[in-house]
Amino acid sequence: MRVLVIEDDVRIADLLTEAFTNRQYEVDVAQDGEAVWNLVNALDYDLMVLDLTLPKMDGIELCQQIRERGATARNATIPIMMLTARDTIADKIIGRCRG
């Protein structure tokens, strides 16, 4: 299985990468929306782990774009796990409805 970790904090990205690779997953890491588009245009993923607070593009916006304009049909429907420190009800509703 191939996982795309979208996280701008290097420490967190490294921890996630280690956890997934220890379980025999192939892992790619992107730190911003532009890098994500390059990867989803080149590869198919089984899971994306998406930080909501990213430079250049908010994670919710990026999720919407992946869903609406996925480079491949498979990436347009891929499971996306949102990673965030946000904890308000409004944030949870936005993530569920838009993602």
Protein backbone atom coordinates (compact mmCIF):
# COMPACT_ATOMS: atom_id res chain seq x y z
CA MET A 1 0.00 0.00 0.00
CA ARG A 2 1.12 3.53 -0.73
CA VAL A 3 0.44 6.45 1.64
CA LEU A 4 0.83 10.16 0.98
CA VAL A 5 1.60 12.17 4.11
CA ILE A 6 0.85 15.88 3.60
CA GLU A 7 2.48 17.65 6.54
CA ASP A 8 4.71 20.73 6.75
CA ASP A 9 6.10 19.96 10.22
CA VAL A 10 9.16 17.80 9.52
CA ARG A 11 9.07 16.13 12.96
CA ILE A 12 5.46 15.00 12.55
CA ALA A 13 6.05 13.93 8.95
CA ASP A 14 9.05 11.85 10.07
CA LEU A 15 7.06 10.19 12.87
CA LEU A 16 4.21 9.31 10.51
CA THR A 17 6.62 8.04 7.87
CA GLU A 18 8.36 5.83 10.40
CA ALA A 19 5.06 4.44 11.71
CA PHE A 20 3.82 3.58 8.23
CA THR A 21 7.11 2.17 6.94
CA ASN A 22 7.41 -0.04 10.04
CA ARG A 23 4.15 -1.59 8.87
CA GLN A 24 5.48 -2.14 5.33
CA TYR A 25 3.69 0.82 3.67
CA GLU A 26 5.38 2.86 0.97
CA VAL A 27 5.30 6.50 2.05
CA ASP A 28 5.69 9.76 0.17
CA VAL A 29 5.73 13.13 1.93
CA ALA A 30 4.58 16.50 0.61
CA GLN A 31 4.84 19.76 2.52
CA ASP A 32 2.51 21.96 0.46
CA GLY A 33 -0.30 21.83 -2.09
CA GLU A 34 1.94 22.22 -5.12
CA ALA A 35 3.99 19.17 -4.15
CA VAL A 36 0.78 17.21 -3.59
CA TRP A 37 -0.42 17.90 -7.13
CA ASN A 38 2.88 16.71 -8.57
CA LEU A 39 2.62 13.45 -6.63
CA VAL A 40 -1.07 12.72 -7.33
CA ASN A 41 -0.43 13.32 -11.01
CA ALA A 42 2.31 10.69 -10.96
CA LEU A 43 1.11 8.02 -8.49
CA ASP A 44 -1.99 6.37 -7.06
CA TYR A 45 -2.40 6.29 -3.29
CA ASP A 46 -4.31 4.01 -0.93
CA LEU A 47 -4.50 6.68 1.79
CA MET A 48 -3.68 10.35 2.26
CA VAL A 49 -2.93 11.82 5.68
CA LEU A 50 -3.59 15.55 5.38
CA ASP A 51 -2.62 18.30 7.82
CA LEU A 52 -5.19 21.08 7.76
CA THR A 53 -2.70 23.87 8.45
CA LEU A 54 -0.37 24.05 5.46
CA PRO A 55 1.61 26.83 3.78
CA LYS A 56 0.27 28.20 0.50
CA MET A 57 -3.06 26.34 0.69
CA ASP A 58 -5.36 25.35 3.55
CA GLY A 59 -5.80 21.60 3.97
CA ILE A 60 -9.59 21.83 3.52
CA GLU A 61 -9.14 23.64 0.21
CA LEU A 62 -6.57 21.09 -0.89
CA CYS A 63 -8.93 18.24 0.04
CA GLN A 64 -11.71 19.84 -2.00
CA GLN A 65 -9.44 20.18 -5.01
CA ILE A 66 -8.33 16.57 -4.75
CA ARG A 67 -11.98 15.50 -4.63
CA GLU A 68 -13.14 17.79 -7.44
CA ARG A 69 -10.17 17.61 -9.78
CA GLY A 70 -8.32 14.49 -8.80
CA ALA A 71 -5.56 13.72 -11.26
CA THR A 72 -6.89 10.18 -11.55
CA ALA A 73 -10.31 8.79 -10.75
CA ARG A 74 -8.74 6.68 -8.00
CA ASN A 75 -7.13 9.67 -6.26
CA ALA A 76 -10.42 11.59 -6.45
CA THR A 77 -12.04 8.98 -4.16
CA ILE A 78 -9.09 7.98 -2.00
CA PRO A 79 -9.62 7.94 1.78
CA ILE A 80 -8.23 11.11 3.35
CA MET A 81 -7.42 11.19 7.06
CA MET A 82 -7.28 14.75 8.33
CA LEU A 83 -4.60 15.55 10.87
CA THR A 84 -5.10 18.67 12.95
CA ALA A 85 -4.83 20.27 16.35
CA ARG A 86 -8.09 22.11 15.66
CA ASP A 87 -10.84 20.86 17.92
CA THR A 88 -13.91 23.04 17.55
CA ILE A 89 -17.22 21.59 16.41
CA ALA A 90 -17.18 24.00 13.44
CA ASP A 91 -13.80 22.66 12.28
CA LYS A 92 -15.06 19.09 12.52
CA ILE A 93 -18.21 19.90 10.53
CA ILE A 94 -16.24 21.71 7.83
CA GLY A 95 -13.84 18.78 7.51
CA ARG A 96 -16.65 16.26 7.24
CA CYS A 97 -18.85 18.18 4.81
CA ARG A 98 -16.17 19.51 2.51
CA GLY A 99 -13.68 16.65 2.69
